[in-house]
Amino acid sequence: MLPEGHPDQASKPGNGAIIGVVIIVMLLIFGALYFWGAQLNRDAGTLPFIPGDSLCTPSATFGPAVAEEKMANGCSICSYRTPIESTGETLTHVEKCPQ
């Protein structure tokens, strides 16, 4: 038994509370970064149309082309989405040649 007033007898504050607070703050920071990244991805939107050497330009009737296949004669077959109420969605193929 230790005599009264001995330094080992005094209660020592634990480090467990400090470590717990640090872990909680780190989790909050990681959660905030996760949701901030999700917000940035949602705000990215669609990329602008850059035609390049494509013959498949956006159509006033069908909108932008979803696929393009180059043919040996220099023409392209452009595929456009065509909404049809009864069957859902189908593709319309249009052949375009350089002028």
PDB file of N, CA and C in Angstrom:
ATOM      1  N   MET A   1       0.841  -1.174   0.000  1.00  0.00           N
ATOM      2  CA  MET A   1       0.000   0.000   0.000  1.00  0.00           C
ATOM      3  C   MET A   1       0.890   1.243   0.000  1.00  0.00           C
ATOM      4  N   LEU A   2       0.514   2.207  -0.861  1.00  0.00           N
ATOM      5  CA  LEU A   2       1.302   3.426  -1.006  1.00  0.00           C
ATOM      6  C   LEU A   2       0.860   4.457   0.025  1.00  0.00           C
ATOM      7  N   PRO A   3       1.789   5.235   0.515  1.00  0.00           N
ATOM      8  CA  PRO A   3       1.400   6.273   1.474  1.00  0.00           C
ATOM      9  C   PRO A   3       0.601   7.375   0.786  1.00  0.00           C
ATOM     10  N   GLU A   4      -0.164   8.102   1.581  1.00  0.00           N
ATOM     11  CA  GLU A   4      -0.970   9.190   1.028  1.00  0.00           C
ATOM     12  C   GLU A   4      -0.069  10.255   0.445  1.00  0.00           C
ATOM     13  N   GLY A   5      -0.525  10.865  -0.686  1.00  0.00           N
ATOM     14  CA  GLY A   5       0.242  11.910  -1.328  1.00  0.00           C
ATOM     15  C   GLY A   5       1.282  11.397  -2.288  1.00  0.00           C
ATOM     16  N   HIS A   6       1.405  10.098  -2.432  1.00  0.00           N
ATOM     17  CA  HIS A   6       2.373   9.523  -3.370  1.00  0.00           C
ATOM     18  C   HIS A   6       1.928   9.838  -4.795  1.00  0.00           C
ATOM     19  N   PRO A   7       2.856  10.198  -5.732  1.00  0.00           N
ATOM     20  CA  PRO A   7       2.465  10.588  -7.089  1.00  0.00           C
ATOM     21  C   PRO A   7       1.732   9.494  -7.865  1.00  0.00           C
ATOM     22  N   ASP A   8       1.994   8.231  -7.599  1.00  0.00           N
ATOM     23  CA  ASP A   8       1.312   7.156  -8.326  1.00  0.00           C
ATOM     24  C   ASP A   8      -0.134   7.003  -7.890  1.00  0.00           C
ATOM     25  N   GLN A   9      -0.492   7.560  -6.765  1.00  0.00           N
ATOM     26  CA  GLN A   9      -1.842   7.392  -6.237  1.00  0.00           C
ATOM     27  C   GLN A   9      -2.813   8.394  -6.852  1.00  0.00           C
ATOM     28  N   ALA A  10      -2.331   9.519  -7.342  1.00  0.00           N
ATOM     29  CA  ALA A  10      -3.208  10.543  -7.919  1.00  0.00           C
ATOM     30  C   ALA A  10      -3.813  10.012  -9.222  1.00  0.00           C
ATOM     31  N   SER A  11      -5.048  10.422  -9.482  1.00  0.00           N
ATOM     32  CA  SER A  11      -5.697   9.954 -10.708  1.00  0.00           C
ATOM     33  C   SER A  11      -5.127  10.709 -11.902  1.00  0.00           C
ATOM     34  N   LYS A  12      -4.831   9.966 -12.992  1.00  0.00           N
ATOM     35  CA  LYS A  12      -4.257  10.540 -14.199  1.00  0.00           C
ATOM     36  C   LYS A  12      -5.366  10.646 -15.251  1.00  0.00           C
ATOM     37  N   PRO A  13      -5.419  11.789 -15.915  1.00  0.00           N
ATOM     38  CA  PRO A  13      -6.424  11.885 -16.981  1.00  0.00           C
ATOM     39  C   PRO A  13      -6.038  10.955 -18.125  1.00  0.00           C
ATOM     40  N   GLY A  14      -7.046  10.271 -18.703  1.00  0.00           N
ATOM     41  CA  GLY A  14      -6.781   9.328 -19.791  1.00  0.00           C
ATOM     42  C   GLY A  14      -6.702  10.027 -21.140  1.00  0.00           C
ATOM     43  N   ASN A  15      -6.047   9.391 -22.061  1.00  0.00           N
ATOM     44  CA  ASN A  15      -5.939   9.901 -23.432  1.00  0.00           C
ATOM     45  C   ASN A  15      -7.065   9.369 -24.315  1.00  0.00           C
ATOM     46  N   GLY A  16      -7.890   8.507 -23.783  1.00  0.00           N
ATOM     47  CA  GLY A  16      -8.960   7.893 -24.573  1.00  0.00           C
ATOM     48  C   GLY A  16      -9.946   8.906 -25.106  1.00  0.00           C
ATOM     49  N   ALA A  17     -10.305   9.906 -24.323  1.00  0.00           N
ATOM     50  CA  ALA A  17     -11.268  10.922 -24.774  1.00  0.00           C
ATOM     51  C   ALA A  17     -10.685  11.752 -25.906  1.00  0.00           C
ATOM     52  N   ILE A  18      -9.427  12.108 -25.807  1.00  0.00           N
ATOM     53  CA  ILE A  18      -8.782  12.911 -26.854  1.00  0.00           C
ATOM     54  C   ILE A  18      -8.698  12.113 -28.152  1.00  0.00           C
ATOM     55  N   ILE A  19      -8.319  10.851 -28.047  1.00  0.00           N
ATOM     56  CA  ILE A  19      -8.230   9.998 -29.237  1.00  0.00           C
ATOM     57  C   ILE A  19      -9.609   9.824 -29.868  1.00  0.00           C
ATOM     58  N   GLY A  20     -10.630   9.661 -29.047  1.00  0.00           N
ATOM     59  CA  GLY A  20     -12.000   9.529 -29.554  1.00  0.00           C
ATOM     60  C   GLY A  20     -12.451  10.768 -30.305  1.00  0.00           C
ATOM     61  N   VAL A  21     -12.144  11.954 -29.765  1.00  0.00           N
ATOM     62  CA  VAL A  21     -12.522  13.199 -30.432  1.00  0.00           C
ATOM     63  C   VAL A  21     -11.781  13.331 -31.761  1.00  0.00           C
ATOM     64  N   VAL A  22     -10.501  12.979 -31.800  1.00  0.00           N
ATOM     65  CA  VAL A  22      -9.724  13.052 -33.044  1.00  0.00           C
ATOM     66  C   VAL A  22     -10.323  12.126 -34.096  1.00  0.00           C
ATOM     67  N   ILE A  23     -10.708  10.925 -33.717  1.00  0.00           N
ATOM     68  CA  ILE A  23     -11.304   9.974 -34.669  1.00  0.00           C
ATOM     69  C   ILE A  23     -12.628  10.509 -35.204  1.00  0.00           C
ATOM     70  N   ILE A  24     -13.449  11.073 -34.342  1.00  0.00           N
ATOM     71  CA  ILE A  24     -14.750  11.605 -34.774  1.00  0.00           C
ATOM     72  C   ILE A  24     -14.557  12.782 -35.726  1.00  0.00           C
ATOM     73  N   VAL A  25     -13.618  13.667 -35.418  1.00  0.00           N
ATOM     74  CA  VAL A  25     -13.361  14.809 -36.305  1.00  0.00           C
ATOM     75  C   VAL A  25     -12.855  14.328 -37.658  1.00  0.00           C
ATOM     76  N   MET A  26     -11.980  13.323 -37.675  1.00  0.00           N
ATOM     77  CA  MET A  26     -11.485  12.786 -38.951  1.00  0.00           C
ATOM     78  C   MET A  26     -12.625  12.177 -39.761  1.00  0.00           C
ATOM     79  N   LEU A  27     -13.529  11.455 -39.110  1.00  0.00           N
ATOM     80  CA  LEU A  27     -14.672  10.876 -39.817  1.00  0.00           C
ATOM     81  C   LEU A  27     -15.570  11.967 -40.396  1.00  0.00           C
ATOM     82  N   LEU A  28     -15.771  13.043 -39.661  1.00  0.00           N
ATOM     83  CA  LEU A  28     -16.582  14.147 -40.176  1.00  0.00           C
ATOM     84  C   LEU A  28     -15.919  14.803 -41.383  1.00  0.00           C
ATOM     85  N   ILE A  29     -14.616  14.956 -41.351  1.00  0.00           N
ATOM     86  CA  ILE A  29     -13.894  15.553 -42.484  1.00  0.00           C
ATOM     87  C   ILE A  29     -13.995  14.651 -43.708  1.00  0.00           C
ATOM     88  N   PHE A  30     -13.775  13.351 -43.543  1.00  0.00           N
ATOM     89  CA  PHE A  30     -13.883  12.428 -44.679  1.00  0.00           C
ATOM     90  C   PHE A  30     -15.303  12.392 -45.225  1.00  0.00           C
ATOM     91  N   GLY A  31     -16.310  12.430 -44.359  1.00  0.00           N
ATOM     92  CA  GLY A  31     -17.704  12.464 -44.815  1.00  0.00           C
ATOM     93  C   GLY A  31     -18.009  13.719 -45.600  1.00  0.00           C
ATOM     94  N   ALA A  32     -17.496  14.858 -45.128  1.00  0.00           N
ATOM     95  CA  ALA A  32     -17.721  16.118 -45.844  1.00  0.00           C
ATOM     96  C   ALA A  32     -17.060  16.074 -47.220  1.00  0.00           C
ATOM     97  N   LEU A  33     -15.844  15.536 -47.314  1.00  0.00           N
ATOM     98  CA  LEU A  33     -15.169  15.419 -48.610  1.00  0.00           C
ATOM     99  C   LEU A  33     -15.922  14.487 -49.552  1.00  0.00           C
ATOM    100  N   TYR A  34     -16.475  13.415 -49.001  1.00  0.00           N
ATOM    101  CA  TYR A  34     -17.239  12.455 -49.824  1.00  0.00           C
ATOM    102  C   TYR A  34     -18.459  13.138 -50.444  1.00  0.00           C
ATOM    103  N   PHE A  35     -19.226  13.859 -49.625  1.00  0.00           N
ATOM    104  CA  PHE A  35     -20.432  14.503 -50.141  1.00  0.00           C
ATOM    105  C   PHE A  35     -20.090  15.689 -51.045  1.00  0.00           C
ATOM    106  N   TRP A  36     -18.987  16.365 -50.787  1.00  0.00           N
ATOM    107  CA  TRP A  36     -18.560  17.458 -51.650  1.00  0.00           C
ATOM    108  C   TRP A  36     -18.170  16.908 -53.017  1.00  0.00           C
ATOM    109  N   GLY A  37     -17.470  15.781 -53.063  1.00  0.00           N
ATOM    110  CA  GLY A  37     -17.112  15.156 -54.332  1.00  0.00           C
ATOM    111  C   GLY A  37     -18.340  14.709 -55.109  1.00  0.00           C
ATOM    112  N   ALA A  38     -19.327  14.178 -54.412  1.00  0.00           N
ATOM    113  CA  ALA A  38     -20.569  13.772 -55.080  1.00  0.00           C
ATOM    114  C   ALA A  38     -21.275  14.985 -55.675  1.00  0.00           C
ATOM    115  N   GLN A  39     -21.261  16.100 -54.977  1.00  0.00           N
ATOM    116  CA  GLN A  39     -21.880  17.331 -55.473  1.00  0.00           C
ATOM    117  C   GLN A  39     -21.146  17.835 -56.715  1.00  0.00           C
ATOM    118  N   LEU A  40     -19.821  17.764 -56.717  1.00  0.00           N
ATOM    119  CA  LEU A  40     -19.051  18.199 -57.885  1.00  0.00           C
ATOM    120  C   LEU A  40     -19.344  17.312 -59.087  1.00  0.00           C
ATOM    121  N   ASN A  41     -19.494  16.007 -58.878  1.00  0.00           N
ATOM    122  CA  ASN A  41     -19.808  15.089 -59.983  1.00  0.00           C
ATOM    123  C   ASN A  41     -21.193  15.365 -60.550  1.00  0.00           C
ATOM    124  N   ARG A  42     -22.132  15.702 -59.697  1.00  0.00           N
ATOM    125  CA  ARG A  42     -23.491  15.966 -60.150  1.00  0.00           C
ATOM    126  C   ARG A  42     -23.554  17.260 -60.956  1.00  0.00           C
ATOM    127  N   ASP A  43     -22.746  18.264 -60.599  1.00  0.00           N
ATOM    128  CA  ASP A  43     -22.770  19.549 -61.278  1.00  0.00           C
ATOM    129  C   ASP A  43     -21.981  19.553 -62.577  1.00  0.00           C
ATOM    130  N   ALA A  44     -21.270  18.474 -62.893  1.00  0.00           N
ATOM    131  CA  ALA A  44     -20.425  18.440 -64.085  1.00  0.00           C
ATOM    132  C   ALA A  44     -21.244  18.599 -65.358  1.00  0.00           C
ATOM    133  N   GLY A  45     -22.454  18.057 -65.404  1.00  0.00           N
ATOM    134  CA  GLY A  45     -23.312  18.191 -66.575  1.00  0.00           C
ATOM    135  C   GLY A  45     -22.792  17.412 -67.761  1.00  0.00           C
ATOM    136  N   THR A  46     -23.309  17.760 -68.927  1.00  0.00           N
ATOM    137  CA  THR A  46     -22.884  17.066 -70.139  1.00  0.00           C
ATOM    138  C   THR A  46     -21.725  17.829 -70.780  1.00  0.00           C
ATOM    139  N   LEU A  47     -20.901  17.108 -71.463  1.00  0.00           N
ATOM    140  CA  LEU A  47     -19.773  17.716 -72.142  1.00  0.00           C
ATOM    141  C   LEU A  47     -20.248  18.391 -73.421  1.00  0.00           C
ATOM    142  N   PRO A  48     -19.613  19.457 -73.851  1.00  0.00           N
ATOM    143  CA  PRO A  48     -20.022  20.128 -75.088  1.00  0.00           C
ATOM    144  C   PRO A  48     -19.694  19.266 -76.306  1.00  0.00           C
ATOM    145  N   PHE A  49     -20.469  19.443 -77.353  1.00  0.00           N
ATOM    146  CA  PHE A  49     -20.245  18.702 -78.594  1.00  0.00           C
ATOM    147  C   PHE A  49     -19.083  19.330 -79.340  1.00  0.00           C
ATOM    148  N   ILE A  50     -18.057  18.541 -79.608  1.00  0.00           N
ATOM    149  CA  ILE A  50     -16.897  18.996 -80.373  1.00  0.00           C
ATOM    150  C   ILE A  50     -16.853  18.150 -81.635  1.00  0.00           C
ATOM    151  N   PRO A  51     -17.196  18.725 -82.784  1.00  0.00           N
ATOM    152  CA  PRO A  51     -17.357  17.906 -83.980  1.00  0.00           C
ATOM    153  C   PRO A  51     -16.097  17.244 -84.496  1.00  0.00           C
ATOM    154  N   GLY A  52     -14.971  17.917 -84.532  1.00  0.00           N
ATOM    155  CA  GLY A  52     -13.759  17.305 -85.076  1.00  0.00           C
ATOM    156  C   GLY A  52     -13.951  16.934 -86.540  1.00  0.00           C
ATOM    157  N   ASP A  53     -13.654  15.683 -86.908  1.00  0.00           N
ATOM    158  CA  ASP A  53     -13.824  15.239 -88.288  1.00  0.00           C
ATOM    159  C   ASP A  53     -15.103  14.419 -88.450  1.00  0.00           C
ATOM    160  N   SER A  54     -15.998  14.504 -87.523  1.00  0.00           N
ATOM    161  CA  SER A  54     -17.232  13.728 -87.569  1.00  0.00           C
ATOM    162  C   SER A  54     -18.214  14.341 -88.564  1.00  0.00           C
ATOM    163  N   LEU A  55     -18.898  13.493 -89.292  1.00  0.00           N
ATOM    164  CA  LEU A  55     -19.966  13.940 -90.184  1.00  0.00           C
ATOM    165  C   LEU A  55     -21.316  13.920 -89.474  1.00  0.00           C
ATOM    166  N   CYS A  56     -21.360  13.318 -88.296  1.00  0.00           N
ATOM    167  CA  CYS A  56     -22.621  13.165 -87.562  1.00  0.00           C
ATOM    168  C   CYS A  56     -22.874  14.391 -86.692  1.00  0.00           C
ATOM    169  N   THR A  57     -23.498  15.374 -87.276  1.00  0.00           N
ATOM    170  CA  THR A  57     -23.829  16.584 -86.533  1.00  0.00           C
ATOM    171  C   THR A  57     -25.178  16.394 -85.842  1.00  0.00           C
ATOM    172  N   PRO A  58     -25.446  17.160 -84.783  1.00  0.00           N
ATOM    173  CA  PRO A  58     -26.745  17.038 -84.119  1.00  0.00           C
ATOM    174  C   PRO A  58     -27.884  17.354 -85.075  1.00  0.00           C
ATOM    175  N   SER A  59     -28.949  16.604 -84.963  1.00  0.00           N
ATOM    176  CA  SER A  59     -30.114  16.762 -85.818  1.00  0.00           C
ATOM    177  C   SER A  59     -31.198  17.527 -85.069  1.00  0.00           C
ATOM    178  N   ALA A  60     -31.914  18.403 -85.767  1.00  0.00           N
ATOM    179  CA  ALA A  60     -33.015  19.133 -85.134  1.00  0.00           C
ATOM    180  C   ALA A  60     -34.138  18.186 -84.744  1.00  0.00           C
ATOM    181  N   THR A  61     -34.301  17.095 -85.472  1.00  0.00           N
ATOM    182  CA  THR A  61     -35.367  16.130 -85.184  1.00  0.00           C
ATOM    183  C   THR A  61     -34.977  15.134 -84.107  1.00  0.00           C
ATOM    184  N   PHE A  62     -33.754  14.593 -84.204  1.00  0.00           N
ATOM    185  CA  PHE A  62     -33.353  13.486 -83.336  1.00  0.00           C
ATOM    186  C   PHE A  62     -32.394  13.884 -82.214  1.00  0.00           C
ATOM    187  N   GLY A  63     -31.760  15.052 -82.303  1.00  0.00           N
ATOM    188  CA  GLY A  63     -30.781  15.453 -81.297  1.00  0.00           C
ATOM    189  C   GLY A  63     -29.391  14.975 -81.684  1.00  0.00           C
ATOM    190  N   PRO A  64     -28.510  14.829 -80.702  1.00  0.00           N
ATOM    191  CA  PRO A  64     -27.135  14.428 -81.020  1.00  0.00           C
ATOM    192  C   PRO A  64     -27.043  12.960 -81.424  1.00  0.00           C
ATOM    193  N   ALA A  65     -26.042  12.644 -82.232  1.00  0.00           N
ATOM    194  CA  ALA A  65     -25.808  11.264 -82.648  1.00  0.00           C
ATOM    195  C   ALA A  65     -25.249  10.464 -81.478  1.00  0.00           C
ATOM    196  N   VAL A  66     -25.644   9.195 -81.373  1.00  0.00           N
ATOM    197  CA  VAL A  66     -25.152   8.334 -80.298  1.00  0.00           C
ATOM    198  C   VAL A  66     -24.055   7.394 -80.783  1.00  0.00           C
ATOM    199  N   ALA A  67     -23.920   7.233 -82.106  1.00  0.00           N
ATOM    200  CA  ALA A  67     -22.870   6.361 -82.644  1.00  0.00           C
ATOM    201  C   ALA A  67     -22.568   6.785 -84.075  1.00  0.00           C
ATOM    202  N   GLU A  68     -21.349   6.485 -84.502  1.00  0.00           N
ATOM    203  CA  GLU A  68     -20.952   6.794 -85.874  1.00  0.00           C
ATOM    204  C   GLU A  68     -20.061   5.671 -86.386  1.00  0.00           C
ATOM    205  N   GLU A  69     -20.341   5.224 -87.614  1.00  0.00           N
ATOM    206  CA  GLU A  69     -19.518   4.182 -88.225  1.00  0.00           C
ATOM    207  C   GLU A  69     -19.012   4.711 -89.558  1.00  0.00           C
ATOM    208  N   LYS A  70     -17.679   4.768 -89.697  1.00  0.00           N
ATOM    209  CA  LYS A  70     -17.067   5.249 -90.942  1.00  0.00           C
ATOM    210  C   LYS A  70     -17.079   4.119 -91.971  1.00  0.00           C
ATOM    211  N   MET A  71     -17.405   4.477 -93.203  1.00  0.00           N
ATOM    212  CA  MET A  71     -17.421   3.499 -94.285  1.00  0.00           C
ATOM    213  C   MET A  71     -16.201   3.708 -95.179  1.00  0.00           C
ATOM    214  N   ALA A  72     -15.898   2.736 -96.039  1.00  0.00           N
ATOM    215  CA  ALA A  72     -14.715   2.783 -96.892  1.00  0.00           C
ATOM    216  C   ALA A  72     -14.785   3.912 -97.920  1.00  0.00           C
ATOM    217  N   ASN A  73     -15.991   4.302 -98.331  1.00  0.00           N
ATOM    218  CA  ASN A  73     -16.151   5.341 -99.352  1.00  0.00           C
ATOM    219  C   ASN A  73     -16.085   6.758 -98.763  1.00  0.00           C
ATOM    220  N   GLY A  74     -15.780   6.895 -97.474  1.00  0.00           N
ATOM    221  CA  GLY A  74     -15.660   8.211 -96.852  1.00  0.00           C
ATOM    222  C   GLY A  74     -16.924   8.701 -96.185  1.00  0.00           C
ATOM    223  N   CYS A  75     -18.017   7.986 -96.380  1.00  0.00           N
ATOM    224  CA  CYS A  75     -19.277   8.369 -95.750  1.00  0.00           C
ATOM    225  C   CYS A  75     -19.339   7.831 -94.323  1.00  0.00           C
ATOM    226  N   SER A  76     -20.292   8.326 -93.575  1.00  0.00           N
ATOM    227  CA  SER A  76     -20.514   7.844 -92.215  1.00  0.00           C
ATOM    228  C   SER A  76     -21.967   7.455 -92.050  1.00  0.00           C
ATOM    229  N   ILE A  77     -22.197   6.419 -91.245  1.00  0.00           N
ATOM    230  CA  ILE A  77     -23.555   6.062 -90.862  1.00  0.00           C
ATOM    231  C   ILE A  77     -23.736   6.543 -89.428  1.00  0.00           C
ATOM    232  N   CYS A  78     -24.655   7.476 -89.268  1.00  0.00           N
ATOM    233  CA  CYS A  78     -24.901   8.090 -87.962  1.00  0.00           C
ATOM    234  C   CYS A  78     -26.141   7.471 -87.344  1.00  0.00           C
ATOM    235  N   SER A  79     -26.041   7.116 -86.079  1.00  0.00           N
ATOM    236  CA  SER A  79     -27.182   6.538 -85.355  1.00  0.00           C
ATOM    237  C   SER A  79     -27.733   7.572 -84.377  1.00  0.00           C
ATOM    238  N   TYR A  80     -29.025   7.798 -84.454  1.00  0.00           N
ATOM    239  CA  TYR A  80     -29.710   8.755 -83.588  1.00  0.00           C
ATOM    240  C   TYR A  80     -30.800   8.034 -82.799  1.00  0.00           C
ATOM    241  N   ARG A  81     -31.051   8.475 -81.579  1.00  0.00           N
ATOM    242  CA  ARG A  81     -32.158   7.918 -80.788  1.00  0.00           C
ATOM    243  C   ARG A  81     -33.470   8.486 -81.300  1.00  0.00           C
ATOM    244  N   THR A  82     -34.465   7.603 -81.459  1.00  0.00           N
ATOM    245  CA  THR A  82     -35.791   8.007 -81.892  1.00  0.00           C
ATOM    246  C   THR A  82     -36.802   7.540 -80.851  1.00  0.00           C
ATOM    247  N   PRO A  83     -37.402   8.452 -80.097  1.00  0.00           N
ATOM    248  CA  PRO A  83     -38.387   8.002 -79.104  1.00  0.00           C
ATOM    249  C   PRO A  83     -39.683   7.565 -79.772  1.00  0.00           C
ATOM    250  N   ILE A  84     -40.128   6.405 -79.400  1.00  0.00           N
ATOM    251  CA  ILE A  84     -41.412   5.880 -79.880  1.00  0.00           C
ATOM    252  C   ILE A  84     -42.208   5.496 -78.643  1.00  0.00           C
ATOM    253  N   GLU A  85     -43.399   6.040 -78.496  1.00  0.00           N
ATOM    254  CA  GLU A  85     -44.188   5.840 -77.284  1.00  0.00           C
ATOM    255  C   GLU A  85     -44.567   4.382 -77.037  1.00  0.00           C
ATOM    256  N   SER A  86     -44.928   3.646 -78.090  1.00  0.00           N
ATOM    257  CA  SER A  86     -45.429   2.289 -77.885  1.00  0.00           C
ATOM    258  C   SER A  86     -44.313   1.287 -77.589  1.00  0.00           C
ATOM    259  N   THR A  87     -43.139   1.458 -78.199  1.00  0.00           N
ATOM    260  CA  THR A  87     -42.080   0.457 -78.041  1.00  0.00           C
ATOM    261  C   THR A  87     -40.881   0.970 -77.250  1.00  0.00           C
ATOM    262  N   GLY A  88     -40.919   2.180 -76.802  1.00  0.00           N
ATOM    263  CA  GLY A  88     -39.786   2.703 -76.058  1.00  0.00           C
ATOM    264  C   GLY A  88     -38.875   3.509 -76.954  1.00  0.00           C
ATOM    265  N   GLU A  89     -37.639   3.072 -77.083  1.00  0.00           N
ATOM    266  CA  GLU A  89     -36.654   3.841 -77.848  1.00  0.00           C
ATOM    267  C   GLU A  89     -36.000   2.948 -78.889  1.00  0.00           C
ATOM    268  N   THR A  90     -35.766   3.498 -80.055  1.00  0.00           N
ATOM    269  CA  THR A  90     -35.088   2.756 -81.111  1.00  0.00           C
ATOM    270  C   THR A  90     -34.048   3.674 -81.745  1.00  0.00           C
ATOM    271  N   LEU A  91     -33.278   3.171 -82.669  1.00  0.00           N
ATOM    272  CA  LEU A  91     -32.260   3.966 -83.336  1.00  0.00           C
ATOM    273  C   LEU A  91     -32.636   4.211 -84.788  1.00  0.00           C
ATOM    274  N   THR A  92     -32.342   5.401 -85.263  1.00  0.00           N
ATOM    275  CA  THR A  92     -32.511   5.749 -86.666  1.00  0.00           C
ATOM    276  C   THR A  92     -31.119   5.911 -87.252  1.00  0.00           C
ATOM    277  N   HIS A  93     -30.865   5.286 -88.398  1.00  0.00           N
ATOM    278  CA  HIS A  93     -29.549   5.342 -89.034  1.00  0.00           C
ATOM    279  C   HIS A  93     -29.631   6.231 -90.263  1.00  0.00           C
ATOM    280  N   VAL A  94     -28.697   7.178 -90.359  1.00  0.00           N
ATOM    281  CA  VAL A  94     -28.673   8.112 -91.473  1.00  0.00           C
ATOM    282  C   VAL A  94     -27.273   8.080 -92.078  1.00  0.00           C
ATOM    283  N   GLU A  95     -27.210   7.958 -93.409  1.00  0.00           N
ATOM    284  CA  GLU A  95     -25.917   7.969 -94.097  1.00  0.00           C
ATOM    285  C   GLU A  95     -25.593   9.396 -94.494  1.00  0.00           C
ATOM    286  N   LYS A  96     -24.386   9.841 -94.100  1.00  0.00           N
ATOM    287  CA  LYS A  96     -23.955  11.207 -94.448  1.00  0.00           C
ATOM    288  C   LYS A  96     -22.608  11.097 -95.138  1.00  0.00           C
ATOM    289  N   CYS A  97     -22.477  11.824 -96.254  1.00  0.00           N
ATOM    290  CA  CYS A  97     -21.237  11.809 -97.017  1.00  0.00           C
ATOM    291  C   CYS A  97     -20.658  13.214 -97.080  1.00  0.00           C
ATOM    292  N   PRO A  98     -19.317  13.305 -97.147  1.00  0.00           N
ATOM    293  CA  PRO A  98     -18.717  14.641 -97.285  1.00  0.00           C
ATOM    294  C   PRO A  98     -19.121  15.267 -98.608  1.00  0.00           C
ATOM    295  N   GLN A  99     -19.200  16.586 -98.623  1.00  0.00           N
ATOM    296  CA  GLN A  99     -19.670  17.267 -99.837  1.00  0.00           C
ATOM    297  C   GLN A  99     -18.563  17.828-100.640  1.00  0.00           C
TER     298      GLN A  99
END
